[in-house]
Amino acid sequence: MRKLDLLDRQYQVLIDADGPDAVVGRVSHVIRNASGGQQHTPVAHFDAYRHPAAEVFRKHWSVQLFIRNKFRLHGTFPKALGELLLAETSCEMPAVLHVYKFENASFVEFGEVWLPD
């Protein structure tokens, strides 16, 4: 996992996987205090993959950014994230970044995920 700072260190981008055809990561908002401590709040996750050419567009990287519904990110965040991915990962131009808002409505557990109390 790689950690990259974004927008004057207001956000930290965690690159979980970076391969030739896909990139996956998470974003946290970071509050730093004077003594060096930090508080990280998860605000988004993203995935990117090479999209094949089709009738109406060229082969390109497609990035899906999923922002947690209760957060408003800095207005320049999507563009800054796209530029960071192009500079620091296997993503290349041409690329398009799609922005989605989401909330976790439910989950289904397969196997024993949670530790007993």
N, C-alpha and C. Protein backbone atom coordinates (compact mmCIF):
# COMPACT_ATOMS: atom_id res chain seq x y z
N MET A 1 0.84 -1.17 0.00
CA MET A 1 0.00 0.00 0.00
C MET A 1 0.90 1.24 0.00
N ARG A 2 0.54 2.18 -0.88
CA ARG A 2 1.27 3.46 -0.92
C ARG A 2 0.37 4.56 -0.39
N LYS A 3 0.97 5.52 0.32
CA LYS A 3 0.25 6.67 0.85
C LYS A 3 0.72 7.92 0.12
N LEU A 4 -0.24 8.67 -0.43
CA LEU A 4 0.08 9.89 -1.15
C LEU A 4 -0.77 11.03 -0.60
N ASP A 5 -0.15 12.19 -0.37
CA ASP A 5 -0.88 13.35 0.12
C ASP A 5 -1.47 14.12 -1.05
N LEU A 6 -2.61 14.78 -0.77
CA LEU A 6 -3.33 15.51 -1.81
C LEU A 6 -3.89 16.80 -1.23
N LEU A 7 -3.90 17.85 -2.04
CA LEU A 7 -4.46 19.16 -1.67
C LEU A 7 -3.91 19.66 -0.33
N ASP A 8 -2.63 19.97 -0.35
CA ASP A 8 -1.94 20.51 0.83
C ASP A 8 -2.10 19.61 2.06
N ARG A 9 -2.05 18.31 1.82
CA ARG A 9 -2.11 17.30 2.87
C ARG A 9 -3.45 17.25 3.60
N GLN A 10 -4.51 17.86 3.00
CA GLN A 10 -5.85 17.75 3.59
C GLN A 10 -6.40 16.33 3.45
N TYR A 11 -5.94 15.63 2.41
CA TYR A 11 -6.41 14.28 2.12
C TYR A 11 -5.21 13.36 1.96
N GLN A 12 -5.42 12.08 2.30
CA GLN A 12 -4.41 11.07 2.05
C GLN A 12 -5.03 10.01 1.16
N VAL A 13 -4.35 9.71 0.06
CA VAL A 13 -4.80 8.70 -0.88
C VAL A 13 -4.00 7.44 -0.62
N LEU A 14 -4.69 6.34 -0.37
CA LEU A 14 -4.05 5.05 -0.13
C LEU A 14 -4.23 4.20 -1.38
N ILE A 15 -3.15 3.87 -2.05
CA ILE A 15 -3.20 3.02 -3.24
C ILE A 15 -3.06 1.58 -2.76
N ASP A 16 -4.16 0.83 -2.82
CA ASP A 16 -4.16 -0.56 -2.36
C ASP A 16 -3.62 -1.52 -3.41
N ALA A 17 -3.89 -1.23 -4.69
CA ALA A 17 -3.42 -2.08 -5.78
C ALA A 17 -3.16 -1.19 -6.99
N ASP A 18 -2.04 -1.44 -7.66
CA ASP A 18 -1.67 -0.67 -8.85
C ASP A 18 -1.06 -1.63 -9.87
N GLY A 19 -1.86 -2.03 -10.83
CA GLY A 19 -1.39 -2.95 -11.85
C GLY A 19 -1.50 -2.34 -13.24
N PRO A 20 -1.07 -3.06 -14.26
CA PRO A 20 -1.09 -2.51 -15.62
C PRO A 20 -2.48 -2.23 -16.16
N ASP A 21 -3.50 -2.88 -15.61
CA ASP A 21 -4.86 -2.70 -16.12
C ASP A 21 -5.86 -2.22 -15.08
N ALA A 22 -5.44 -2.03 -13.82
CA ALA A 22 -6.38 -1.59 -12.79
C ALA A 22 -5.64 -0.96 -11.61
N VAL A 23 -6.32 0.00 -10.97
CA VAL A 23 -5.82 0.67 -9.77
C VAL A 23 -6.99 0.75 -8.80
N VAL A 24 -6.73 0.47 -7.52
CA VAL A 24 -7.77 0.51 -6.50
C VAL A 24 -7.21 1.26 -5.30
N GLY A 25 -8.05 2.12 -4.68
CA GLY A 25 -7.57 2.85 -3.53
C GLY A 25 -8.68 3.48 -2.71
N ARG A 26 -8.26 4.15 -1.63
CA ARG A 26 -9.16 4.80 -0.68
C ARG A 26 -8.66 6.20 -0.40
N VAL A 27 -9.56 7.04 0.10
CA VAL A 27 -9.21 8.42 0.43
C VAL A 27 -9.69 8.73 1.84
N SER A 28 -8.83 9.37 2.62
CA SER A 28 -9.18 9.83 3.96
C SER A 28 -8.95 11.33 4.05
N HIS A 29 -9.84 12.02 4.79
CA HIS A 29 -9.60 13.40 5.15
C HIS A 29 -8.70 13.36 6.38
N VAL A 30 -7.70 14.24 6.42
CA VAL A 30 -6.72 14.20 7.51
C VAL A 30 -6.73 15.51 8.28
N ILE A 31 -6.87 15.39 9.59
CA ILE A 31 -6.71 16.54 10.48
C ILE A 31 -5.43 16.29 11.27
N ARG A 32 -4.50 17.23 11.20
CA ARG A 32 -3.21 17.09 11.86
C ARG A 32 -3.13 18.09 13.01
N ASN A 33 -2.52 17.68 14.12
CA ASN A 33 -2.36 18.62 15.22
C ASN A 33 -0.90 19.05 15.34
N ALA A 34 -0.65 20.03 16.17
CA ALA A 34 0.68 20.63 16.28
C ALA A 34 1.73 19.65 16.79
N SER A 35 1.33 18.64 17.56
CA SER A 35 2.31 17.70 18.11
C SER A 35 2.59 16.52 17.17
N GLY A 36 2.02 16.56 15.97
CA GLY A 36 2.29 15.51 14.99
C GLY A 36 1.24 14.43 14.91
N GLY A 37 0.23 14.48 15.75
CA GLY A 37 -0.85 13.50 15.69
C GLY A 37 -1.76 13.75 14.48
N GLN A 38 -2.48 12.72 14.09
CA GLN A 38 -3.37 12.81 12.94
C GLN A 38 -4.67 12.07 13.21
N GLN A 39 -5.75 12.63 12.67
CA GLN A 39 -7.04 11.93 12.69
C GLN A 39 -7.46 11.73 11.24
N HIS A 40 -7.67 10.46 10.86
CA HIS A 40 -8.06 10.12 9.49
C HIS A 40 -9.53 9.72 9.47
N THR A 41 -10.30 10.32 8.57
CA THR A 41 -11.71 9.98 8.38
C THR A 41 -11.89 9.47 6.96
N PRO A 42 -12.30 8.21 6.78
CA PRO A 42 -12.52 7.70 5.42
C PRO A 42 -13.64 8.48 4.74
N VAL A 43 -13.37 8.98 3.53
CA VAL A 43 -14.37 9.77 2.82
C VAL A 43 -14.72 9.24 1.43
N ALA A 44 -13.86 8.41 0.85
CA ALA A 44 -14.13 7.95 -0.51
C ALA A 44 -13.28 6.71 -0.82
N HIS A 45 -13.68 6.02 -1.87
CA HIS A 45 -12.83 4.98 -2.45
C HIS A 45 -12.96 5.07 -3.96
N PHE A 46 -12.03 4.47 -4.66
CA PHE A 46 -12.04 4.56 -6.12
C PHE A 46 -11.47 3.29 -6.73
N ASP A 47 -11.85 3.07 -7.97
CA ASP A 47 -11.24 2.04 -8.79
C ASP A 47 -11.04 2.61 -10.18
N ALA A 48 -10.05 2.13 -10.86
CA ALA A 48 -9.75 2.57 -12.22
C ALA A 48 -9.37 1.35 -13.04
N TYR A 49 -9.77 1.35 -14.29
CA TYR A 49 -9.43 0.24 -15.17
C TYR A 49 -9.33 0.73 -16.60
N ARG A 50 -8.62 -0.05 -17.42
CA ARG A 50 -8.51 0.26 -18.85
C ARG A 50 -9.82 -0.11 -19.52
N HIS A 51 -10.47 0.87 -20.10
CA HIS A 51 -11.74 0.65 -20.79
C HIS A 51 -11.44 0.46 -22.27
N PRO A 52 -11.95 -0.61 -22.88
CA PRO A 52 -11.66 -0.83 -24.30
C PRO A 52 -12.38 0.20 -25.17
N ALA A 53 -11.88 0.39 -26.36
CA ALA A 53 -12.52 1.30 -27.31
C ALA A 53 -13.91 0.76 -27.66
N ALA A 54 -14.80 1.67 -27.97
CA ALA A 54 -16.16 1.31 -28.36
C ALA A 54 -16.58 2.22 -29.51
N GLU A 55 -17.81 2.11 -29.89
CA GLU A 55 -18.30 2.86 -31.04
C GLU A 55 -18.14 4.37 -30.89
N VAL A 56 -18.27 4.89 -29.66
CA VAL A 56 -18.28 6.34 -29.48
C VAL A 56 -17.06 6.89 -28.74
N PHE A 57 -16.12 6.04 -28.28
CA PHE A 57 -14.95 6.57 -27.60
C PHE A 57 -13.73 5.69 -27.81
N ARG A 58 -12.58 6.30 -27.54
CA ARG A 58 -11.29 5.62 -27.66
C ARG A 58 -11.03 4.73 -26.44
N LYS A 59 -10.06 3.84 -26.56
CA LYS A 59 -9.56 3.10 -25.41
C LYS A 59 -9.05 4.13 -24.41
N HIS A 60 -9.42 3.97 -23.12
CA HIS A 60 -9.05 4.97 -22.12
C HIS A 60 -9.10 4.36 -20.72
N TRP A 61 -8.57 5.09 -19.76
CA TRP A 61 -8.70 4.71 -18.35
C TRP A 61 -10.00 5.29 -17.84
N SER A 62 -10.77 4.47 -17.14
CA SER A 62 -12.02 4.90 -16.54
C SER A 62 -11.87 4.81 -15.02
N VAL A 63 -12.08 5.92 -14.34
CA VAL A 63 -11.95 5.99 -12.88
C VAL A 63 -13.34 6.24 -12.30
N GLN A 64 -13.72 5.44 -11.31
CA GLN A 64 -14.97 5.65 -10.59
C GLN A 64 -14.61 6.07 -9.17
N LEU A 65 -15.03 7.27 -8.79
CA LEU A 65 -14.79 7.81 -7.47
C LEU A 65 -16.10 7.77 -6.71
N PHE A 66 -16.13 7.05 -5.59
CA PHE A 66 -17.32 6.90 -4.77
C PHE A 66 -17.13 7.68 -3.47
N ILE A 67 -17.84 8.79 -3.33
CA ILE A 67 -17.73 9.66 -2.17
C ILE A 67 -18.83 9.31 -1.18
N ARG A 68 -18.47 9.10 0.07
CA ARG A 68 -19.48 8.82 1.10
C ARG A 68 -20.49 9.96 1.15
N ASN A 69 -21.75 9.61 1.21
CA ASN A 69 -22.85 10.55 1.06
C ASN A 69 -22.80 11.72 2.04
N LYS A 70 -22.31 11.51 3.25
CA LYS A 70 -22.36 12.57 4.25
C LYS A 70 -21.19 13.56 4.17
N PHE A 71 -20.29 13.38 3.19
CA PHE A 71 -19.13 14.25 3.08
C PHE A 71 -19.19 15.11 1.83
N ARG A 72 -18.73 16.34 1.97
CA ARG A 72 -18.52 17.23 0.83
C ARG A 72 -17.03 17.43 0.70
N LEU A 73 -16.49 17.02 -0.41
CA LEU A 73 -15.05 17.17 -0.61
C LEU A 73 -14.75 18.53 -1.23
N HIS A 74 -13.51 18.96 -1.08
CA HIS A 74 -13.04 20.20 -1.68
C HIS A 74 -13.42 20.22 -3.16
N GLY A 75 -13.86 21.35 -3.67
CA GLY A 75 -14.36 21.46 -5.05
C GLY A 75 -13.39 21.01 -6.12
N THR A 76 -12.10 21.14 -5.88
CA THR A 76 -11.10 20.73 -6.87
C THR A 76 -10.63 19.29 -6.67
N PHE A 77 -11.23 18.60 -5.69
CA PHE A 77 -10.76 17.26 -5.35
C PHE A 77 -10.77 16.29 -6.52
N PRO A 78 -11.88 16.13 -7.28
CA PRO A 78 -11.85 15.13 -8.37
C PRO A 78 -10.73 15.38 -9.38
N LYS A 79 -10.54 16.63 -9.78
CA LYS A 79 -9.47 16.93 -10.74
C LYS A 79 -8.10 16.64 -10.14
N ALA A 80 -7.90 17.03 -8.88
CA ALA A 80 -6.62 16.79 -8.22
C ALA A 80 -6.35 15.29 -8.09
N LEU A 81 -7.39 14.50 -7.75
CA LEU A 81 -7.21 13.05 -7.66
C LEU A 81 -6.85 12.47 -9.02
N GLY A 82 -7.55 12.89 -10.06
CA GLY A 82 -7.24 12.40 -11.41
C GLY A 82 -5.80 12.70 -11.80
N GLU A 83 -5.35 13.92 -11.53
CA GLU A 83 -3.96 14.30 -11.86
C GLU A 83 -2.97 13.47 -11.05
N LEU A 84 -3.28 13.21 -9.78
CA LEU A 84 -2.42 12.38 -8.94
C LEU A 84 -2.33 10.96 -9.49
N LEU A 85 -3.47 10.38 -9.86
CA LEU A 85 -3.47 9.02 -10.41
C LEU A 85 -2.66 8.94 -11.70
N LEU A 86 -2.79 9.95 -12.55
CA LEU A 86 -2.02 9.96 -13.80
C LEU A 86 -0.52 10.08 -13.54
N ALA A 87 -0.14 10.83 -12.51
CA ALA A 87 1.28 11.05 -12.22
C ALA A 87 1.91 9.91 -11.42
N GLU A 88 1.14 9.24 -10.54
CA GLU A 88 1.73 8.34 -9.56
C GLU A 88 1.36 6.86 -9.72
N THR A 89 0.46 6.54 -10.65
CA THR A 89 0.03 5.14 -10.82
C THR A 89 0.17 4.75 -12.29
N SER A 90 -0.30 3.56 -12.60
CA SER A 90 -0.24 3.09 -13.98
C SER A 90 -1.30 3.73 -14.88
N CYS A 91 -2.20 4.55 -14.33
CA CYS A 91 -3.20 5.25 -15.16
C CYS A 91 -2.50 6.17 -16.16
N GLU A 92 -3.06 6.23 -17.34
CA GLU A 92 -2.50 7.08 -18.41
C GLU A 92 -3.62 7.82 -19.11
N MET A 93 -3.26 8.88 -19.81
CA MET A 93 -4.23 9.58 -20.64
C MET A 93 -4.42 8.79 -21.93
N PRO A 94 -5.59 8.85 -22.52
CA PRO A 94 -6.77 9.58 -22.07
C PRO A 94 -7.45 8.86 -20.91
N ALA A 95 -8.14 9.65 -20.09
CA ALA A 95 -8.83 9.10 -18.92
C ALA A 95 -10.07 9.94 -18.63
N VAL A 96 -11.02 9.32 -17.98
CA VAL A 96 -12.21 10.03 -17.51
C VAL A 96 -12.47 9.60 -16.07
N LEU A 97 -12.84 10.56 -15.22
CA LEU A 97 -13.12 10.27 -13.82
C LEU A 97 -14.60 10.56 -13.56
N HIS A 98 -15.34 9.53 -13.14
CA HIS A 98 -16.76 9.64 -12.82
C HIS A 98 -16.91 9.79 -11.31
N VAL A 99 -17.77 10.70 -10.87
CA VAL A 99 -17.96 10.96 -9.44
C VAL A 99 -19.34 10.48 -9.03
N TYR A 100 -19.39 9.65 -7.98
CA TYR A 100 -20.64 9.12 -7.44
C TYR A 100 -20.71 9.43 -5.95
N LYS A 101 -21.91 9.65 -5.44
CA LYS A 101 -22.15 9.77 -4.00
C LYS A 101 -22.80 8.46 -3.56
N PHE A 102 -22.44 7.94 -2.39
CA PHE A 102 -23.03 6.67 -1.96
C PHE A 102 -23.22 6.64 -0.46
N GLU A 103 -24.08 5.75 -0.04
CA GLU A 103 -24.20 5.41 1.38
C GLU A 103 -24.28 3.90 1.48
N ASN A 104 -23.75 3.37 2.55
CA ASN A 104 -23.78 1.93 2.78
C ASN A 104 -25.13 1.59 3.39
N ALA A 105 -26.01 0.96 2.62
CA ALA A 105 -27.36 0.66 3.08
C ALA A 105 -27.43 -0.65 3.86
N SER A 106 -26.52 -1.58 3.58
CA SER A 106 -26.59 -2.89 4.20
C SER A 106 -25.31 -3.65 3.89
N PHE A 107 -25.20 -4.86 4.41
CA PHE A 107 -24.10 -5.75 4.06
C PHE A 107 -24.54 -7.19 4.25
N VAL A 108 -23.82 -8.10 3.63
CA VAL A 108 -24.04 -9.53 3.78
C VAL A 108 -22.71 -10.14 4.15
N GLU A 109 -22.70 -10.91 5.22
CA GLU A 109 -21.47 -11.53 5.71
C GLU A 109 -21.34 -12.94 5.15
N PHE A 110 -20.16 -13.28 4.63
CA PHE A 110 -19.87 -14.64 4.14
C PHE A 110 -18.73 -15.17 5.00
N GLY A 111 -19.01 -16.18 5.78
CA GLY A 111 -18.02 -16.66 6.73
C GLY A 111 -18.05 -15.80 7.97
N GLU A 112 -17.13 -16.04 8.88
CA GLU A 112 -17.07 -15.29 10.14
C GLU A 112 -16.12 -14.11 9.99
N VAL A 113 -16.67 -12.93 9.73
CA VAL A 113 -15.87 -11.72 9.54
C VAL A 113 -15.59 -11.04 10.87
N TRP A 114 -16.61 -10.90 11.71
CA TRP A 114 -16.50 -10.13 12.95
C TRP A 114 -15.99 -11.00 14.09
N LEU A 115 -15.15 -10.42 14.91
CA LEU A 115 -14.64 -11.10 16.09
C LEU A 115 -15.72 -11.14 17.17
N PRO A 116 -15.77 -12.19 18.00
CA PRO A 116 -16.76 -12.24 19.07
C PRO A 116 -16.48 -11.15 20.11
N ASP A 117 -17.54 -10.73 20.79
CA ASP A 117 -17.41 -9.70 21.85
C ASP A 117 -16.59 -10.21 23.01
